[in-house]
Amino acid sequence: MNKMKTKSIVLLMALIMAVVISCQKTEPLETSSVEAADDATFTETLFDDAFASLEIASLFVEGGTKSSTVIDSCPLITFTFPGEGSWPRNVVIDYGEGCQGLDNIVRSGKINITLSAPRKEVGSVRILSFENYYFNDVKIEGTKTVENLGPNNSSNVVFSCTLAGGKITFPNDSTIERSFEREREYEAGYSTWNPWDDKCLITGTTTGKTYSGLSFTHTITNALVWEATCRFILGGTIRFDLEGIEPFSLDYGDGTTCDAKAVISRGDDSKEITLGFWHPKMPVGK
């Protein structure tokens, strides 16, 4: 009888271990995961491009003492004083019906910006919104608010960045929704008047819906490395929690190499994806 009990206990333990090991196994990366990563990297690129416009416009406005207009082949940049004093200031970056920049990206419509005070003033707030704005035939919407929080314990200036109502609409009317709460810590370039030497570490979370309509949460687990001279995020890691899908991660690299590559992974399964200014579901040039 004791032998039977012992044998039963051993079998039971073996069964429990088998169940535990089975539960710990991760599912291989499926199409939905890859598509969600493509959505994230594409929208990241679009809204980072808008942030670059915000930084350049801020420097342009602070260098002027009166309302002015810069007339170029594209865009037309205008800033005005809505009140009696020097601040706040309003900026309109107008791409008209469309023009192609040196980066081969076609933009159209307007980016509207309001600056409450100089960019370097702690507590200053800059608000960016889009007016019938398109980036390579994709419409971008949303309101981005950037506030100077001052220096942190490392003496690096930090900005809080929020995106509300972020949305991109494709020519076929499919959409990606995106909102976030983040912080950008300036490791370099903050104190200069050169927008191309900026380097930031980005942390925070993002929520929204994918191209396929799945709800998601992105959590930055290793700070994203952003440099103004690179067209894409250089490094950092994001955890993806996607509706009905086992979590996975997106790795942009170690932050030292500017390239158009990132890797998504779950357990032992991984896949390299290519970053770009066109979504994989969009025919290039259409």
Protein backbone atom coordinates (compact mmCIF):
# COMPACT_ATOMS: atom_id res chain seq x y z
CA MET A 1 0.00 0.00 0.00
CA ASN A 2 2.84 2.36 0.89
CA LYS A 3 4.53 1.56 -2.42
CA MET A 4 1.30 2.40 -4.25
CA LYS A 5 1.06 5.72 -2.38
CA THR A 6 4.67 6.55 -3.17
CA LYS A 7 4.16 5.70 -6.83
CA SER A 8 1.01 7.85 -6.95
CA ILE A 9 2.81 10.80 -5.35
CA VAL A 10 5.70 10.51 -7.83
CA LEU A 11 3.28 10.42 -10.76
CA LEU A 12 1.37 13.37 -9.35
CA MET A 13 4.56 15.40 -8.92
CA ALA A 14 5.66 14.52 -12.44
CA LEU A 15 2.30 15.67 -13.78
CA ILE A 16 2.51 18.95 -11.86
CA MET A 17 6.05 19.58 -13.17
CA ALA A 18 4.91 18.88 -16.72
CA VAL A 19 2.08 21.38 -16.35
CA VAL A 20 4.42 24.02 -14.88
CA ILE A 21 6.98 23.56 -17.67
CA SER A 22 4.22 23.68 -20.26
CA CYS A 23 2.90 26.94 -18.80
CA GLN A 24 6.39 28.47 -18.86
CA LYS A 25 6.85 27.80 -22.56
CA THR A 26 6.42 30.86 -24.74
CA GLU A 27 4.49 30.95 -27.96
CA PRO A 28 6.45 31.72 -31.12
CA LEU A 29 6.05 35.19 -32.60
CA GLU A 30 2.90 35.35 -34.66
CA THR A 31 1.88 37.75 -37.43
CA SER A 32 -0.07 39.98 -35.00
CA SER A 33 3.09 40.63 -32.96
CA VAL A 34 5.15 41.53 -36.00
CA GLU A 35 2.43 43.83 -37.32
CA ALA A 36 2.10 45.53 -33.91
CA ALA A 37 5.86 46.16 -33.86
CA ASP A 38 5.68 47.62 -37.38
CA ASP A 39 2.85 49.91 -36.21
CA ALA A 40 4.86 51.08 -33.21
CA THR A 41 8.10 51.82 -35.02
CA PHE A 42 6.28 53.61 -37.84
CA THR A 43 4.23 55.86 -35.55
CA GLU A 44 7.29 56.48 -33.35
CA THR A 45 9.09 57.84 -36.41
CA LEU A 46 6.19 60.11 -37.39
CA PHE A 47 5.73 61.72 -33.99
CA ASP A 48 9.50 62.05 -33.46
CA ASP A 49 9.62 63.92 -36.75
CA ALA A 50 7.03 66.33 -35.37
CA PHE A 51 9.10 66.75 -32.19
CA ALA A 52 12.11 67.70 -34.33
CA SER A 53 9.95 70.36 -36.00
CA LEU A 54 8.99 71.64 -32.55
CA GLU A 55 12.63 71.97 -31.49
CA ILE A 56 13.70 73.76 -34.65
CA ALA A 57 10.70 76.10 -34.50
CA SER A 58 11.45 76.91 -30.84
CA LEU A 59 15.00 77.98 -31.68
CA PHE A 60 13.76 80.02 -34.64
CA VAL A 61 11.18 81.86 -32.55
CA GLU A 62 13.50 82.58 -29.64
CA GLY A 63 16.00 84.13 -32.03
CA GLY A 64 13.46 86.73 -33.14
CA THR A 65 12.31 89.86 -31.34
CA LYS A 66 9.28 90.61 -33.51
CA SER A 67 6.73 88.78 -35.56
CA SER A 68 8.23 87.48 -38.76
CA THR A 69 7.91 85.11 -41.66
CA VAL A 70 10.58 82.96 -43.22
CA ILE A 71 9.88 82.41 -46.90
CA ASP A 72 11.53 79.31 -48.29
CA SER A 73 10.65 76.82 -50.97
CA CYS A 74 9.04 74.83 -48.18
CA PRO A 75 7.83 75.21 -45.49
CA LEU A 76 6.62 78.73 -44.78
CA ILE A 77 7.30 79.50 -41.09
CA THR A 78 5.46 82.36 -39.36
CA PHE A 79 5.44 83.46 -35.74
CA THR A 80 3.29 86.06 -34.05
CA PHE A 81 2.57 87.53 -30.61
CA PRO A 82 -1.04 86.90 -29.59
CA GLY A 83 -0.83 89.27 -26.60
CA GLU A 84 0.71 92.55 -25.54
CA GLY A 85 4.02 91.15 -24.25
CA SER A 86 6.87 89.10 -25.73
CA TRP A 87 5.28 85.82 -24.59
CA PRO A 88 3.42 83.67 -25.42
CA ARG A 89 4.31 83.22 -29.09
CA ASN A 90 2.52 81.31 -31.81
CA VAL A 91 4.21 79.49 -34.68
CA VAL A 92 2.73 78.10 -37.88
CA ILE A 93 4.79 75.73 -40.02
CA ASP A 94 2.95 75.63 -43.32
CA TYR A 95 3.83 72.98 -45.92
CA GLY A 96 1.05 74.09 -48.22
CA GLU A 97 -0.41 71.50 -50.56
CA GLY A 98 2.74 69.40 -50.29
CA CYS A 99 6.49 69.62 -50.73
CA GLN A 100 9.35 67.16 -50.62
CA GLY A 101 12.15 67.84 -48.15
CA LEU A 102 15.82 66.98 -48.36
CA ASP A 103 14.94 63.72 -46.56
CA ASN A 104 12.66 62.78 -49.51
CA ILE A 105 9.59 62.94 -47.27
CA VAL A 106 6.52 64.69 -48.66
CA ARG A 107 4.68 66.79 -46.08
CA SER A 108 1.56 68.91 -46.46
CA GLY A 109 -0.75 70.92 -44.23
CA LYS A 110 0.21 72.80 -41.08
CA ILE A 111 1.86 72.26 -37.71
CA ASN A 112 0.66 74.82 -35.13
CA ILE A 113 2.75 75.54 -32.04
CA THR A 114 2.19 77.72 -28.98
CA LEU A 115 5.11 78.60 -26.69
CA SER A 116 4.31 80.00 -23.25
CA ALA A 117 7.88 81.12 -22.52
CA PRO A 118 11.49 80.46 -23.66
CA ARG A 119 12.26 76.75 -24.03
CA LYS A 120 14.94 76.83 -21.31
CA GLU A 121 12.70 78.43 -18.70
CA VAL A 122 11.65 75.87 -16.08
CA GLY A 123 7.89 75.45 -16.25
CA SER A 124 7.62 76.66 -19.84
CA VAL A 125 5.06 74.79 -21.93
CA ARG A 126 5.00 74.18 -25.68
CA ILE A 127 1.88 72.80 -27.34
CA LEU A 128 1.93 71.30 -30.83
CA SER A 129 -1.10 70.36 -32.92
CA PHE A 130 -1.74 69.37 -36.52
CA GLU A 131 -4.01 71.02 -39.08
CA ASN A 132 -4.84 68.81 -42.06
CA TYR A 133 -1.23 67.58 -41.83
CA TYR A 134 0.07 64.69 -43.94
CA PHE A 135 3.36 62.79 -43.89
CA ASN A 136 3.89 60.65 -47.02
CA ASP A 137 0.11 60.45 -47.61
CA VAL A 138 -0.61 59.51 -43.98
CA LYS A 139 -2.73 61.99 -42.01
CA ILE A 140 -1.47 62.79 -38.49
CA GLU A 141 -3.63 64.12 -35.65
CA GLY A 142 -3.16 64.76 -31.96
CA THR A 143 -1.93 67.33 -29.46
CA LYS A 144 1.56 67.13 -28.03
CA THR A 145 2.42 69.04 -24.84
CA VAL A 146 6.02 69.52 -23.71
CA GLU A 147 6.91 71.05 -20.32
CA ASN A 148 10.36 71.93 -18.97
CA LEU A 149 10.69 70.16 -15.58
CA GLY A 150 14.19 71.47 -14.91
CA PRO A 151 17.34 69.48 -14.06
CA ASN A 152 17.27 66.03 -12.45
CA ASN A 153 19.76 64.54 -9.98
CA SER A 154 22.22 64.05 -12.85
CA SER A 155 21.96 67.77 -13.71
CA ASN A 156 20.30 66.83 -17.03
CA VAL A 157 17.24 68.87 -17.99
CA VAL A 158 14.06 66.80 -18.30
CA PHE A 159 10.93 67.55 -20.31
CA SER A 160 7.59 65.87 -19.74
CA CYS A 161 5.96 64.98 -23.05
CA THR A 162 2.34 63.93 -23.46
CA LEU A 163 0.45 63.03 -26.60
CA ALA A 164 -3.35 63.18 -26.46
CA GLY A 165 -5.62 61.96 -29.23
CA GLY A 166 -2.77 60.77 -31.40
CA LYS A 167 -4.02 59.18 -34.59
CA ILE A 168 -2.70 58.36 -38.03
CA THR A 169 -5.05 57.63 -40.92
CA PHE A 170 -3.95 55.74 -44.02
CA PRO A 171 -5.24 56.32 -47.55
CA ASN A 172 -7.51 53.27 -47.16
CA ASP A 173 -9.03 54.88 -43.98
CA SER A 174 -7.38 52.35 -41.63
CA THR A 175 -6.08 53.99 -38.47
CA ILE A 176 -3.57 53.63 -35.64
CA GLU A 177 -4.40 55.36 -32.33
CA ARG A 178 -1.68 56.46 -29.94
CA SER A 179 -1.38 58.43 -26.69
CA PHE A 180 1.56 58.57 -24.31
CA GLU A 181 3.06 60.02 -21.14
CA ARG A 182 6.84 60.26 -21.33
CA GLU A 183 9.91 62.08 -20.13
CA ARG A 184 12.83 63.18 -22.32
CA GLU A 185 16.14 63.64 -20.50
CA TYR A 186 18.72 65.67 -22.40
CA GLU A 187 22.12 64.03 -22.29
CA ALA A 188 23.59 66.47 -24.84
CA GLY A 189 22.73 69.53 -26.88
CA TYR A 190 20.33 71.24 -24.48
CA SER A 191 22.52 74.29 -23.86
CA THR A 192 23.43 74.97 -27.50
CA TRP A 193 21.59 76.72 -30.34
CA ASN A 194 22.30 73.81 -32.67
CA PRO A 195 19.27 71.47 -32.92
CA TRP A 196 21.38 68.72 -34.55
CA ASP A 197 23.55 67.95 -31.51
CA ASP A 198 20.61 66.99 -29.28
CA LYS A 199 20.60 63.59 -27.58
CA CYS A 200 17.78 62.39 -25.30
CA LEU A 201 16.85 59.40 -23.17
CA ILE A 202 13.11 58.65 -23.35
CA THR A 203 11.05 56.79 -20.72
CA GLY A 204 7.33 56.25 -20.17
CA THR A 205 4.29 54.37 -21.45
CA THR A 206 2.11 54.45 -24.57
CA THR A 207 -1.43 53.19 -25.14
CA GLY A 208 -3.69 52.92 -28.16
CA LYS A 209 -4.97 50.64 -30.90
CA THR A 210 -3.07 48.94 -33.67
CA TYR A 211 -3.77 49.00 -37.41
CA SER A 212 -5.75 45.77 -36.83
CA GLY A 213 -7.80 47.31 -34.01
CA LEU A 214 -6.09 45.56 -31.07
CA SER A 215 -5.65 47.53 -27.84
CA PHE A 216 -2.06 47.82 -26.62
CA THR A 217 0.20 49.18 -23.91
CA HIS A 218 3.89 49.83 -24.54
CA THR A 219 6.21 50.20 -21.55
CA ILE A 220 9.77 51.42 -22.08
CA THR A 221 11.88 49.02 -20.02
CA ASN A 222 15.28 50.39 -21.11
CA ALA A 223 15.38 54.08 -22.00
CA LEU A 224 15.07 54.81 -25.70
CA VAL A 225 18.10 56.62 -27.13
CA TRP A 226 17.19 59.47 -29.49
CA GLU A 227 19.61 61.66 -31.42
CA ALA A 228 18.62 64.45 -33.77
CA THR A 229 21.12 63.32 -36.42
CA CYS A 230 19.63 59.81 -36.69
CA ARG A 231 16.41 59.18 -38.57
CA PHE A 232 15.38 56.40 -36.17
CA ILE A 233 15.63 55.48 -32.48
CA LEU A 234 19.19 54.28 -31.78
CA GLY A 235 18.62 52.04 -28.77
CA GLY A 236 16.41 50.94 -25.90
CA THR A 237 13.75 48.31 -25.24
CA ILE A 238 9.94 48.37 -25.17
CA ARG A 239 7.64 45.72 -23.66
CA PHE A 240 4.48 45.11 -25.70
CA ASP A 241 1.25 44.09 -23.97
CA LEU A 242 -1.18 43.43 -26.80
CA GLU A 243 -4.83 42.40 -26.54
CA GLY A 244 -5.09 38.60 -26.72
CA ILE A 245 -1.36 38.16 -27.44
CA GLU A 246 1.44 36.98 -25.16
CA PRO A 247 3.78 39.89 -24.26
CA PHE A 248 6.94 40.40 -26.31
CA SER A 249 9.73 42.95 -26.54
CA LEU A 250 11.13 45.32 -29.15
CA ASP A 251 14.86 46.07 -29.01
CA TYR A 252 16.27 49.03 -30.96
CA GLY A 253 19.89 48.15 -30.11
CA ASP A 254 22.58 49.40 -27.75
CA GLY A 255 22.28 53.07 -28.68
CA THR A 256 25.59 53.37 -30.52
CA THR A 257 24.63 52.54 -34.10
CA CYS A 258 22.28 54.57 -36.29
CA ASP A 259 20.54 52.06 -38.53
CA ALA A 260 17.07 51.04 -39.67
CA LYS A 261 16.98 47.78 -37.71
CA ALA A 262 15.17 46.55 -34.61
CA VAL A 263 14.51 43.09 -33.17
CA ILE A 264 11.30 41.74 -31.67
CA SER A 265 11.51 38.71 -29.40
CA ARG A 266 9.55 36.37 -27.16
CA GLY A 267 11.46 33.66 -25.36
CA ASP A 268 13.86 32.01 -27.79
CA ASP A 269 12.05 33.30 -30.87
CA SER A 270 13.15 36.59 -32.48
CA LYS A 271 12.72 38.46 -35.73
CA GLU A 272 14.51 41.46 -37.20
CA ILE A 273 12.32 44.19 -38.66
CA THR A 274 13.21 47.16 -40.85
CA LEU A 275 12.30 50.68 -39.78
CA GLY A 276 11.05 53.16 -42.32
CA PHE A 277 8.88 56.11 -43.31
CA TRP A 278 6.33 53.87 -45.03
CA HIS A 279 4.12 51.39 -43.22
CA PRO A 280 4.47 47.80 -44.55
CA LYS A 281 0.77 47.79 -45.44
CA MET A 282 1.18 50.89 -47.61
CA PRO A 283 2.38 50.61 -51.21
CA VAL A 284 5.47 52.83 -51.40
CA GLY A 285 4.74 56.09 -53.14
CA LYS A 286 0.96 55.73 -52.94
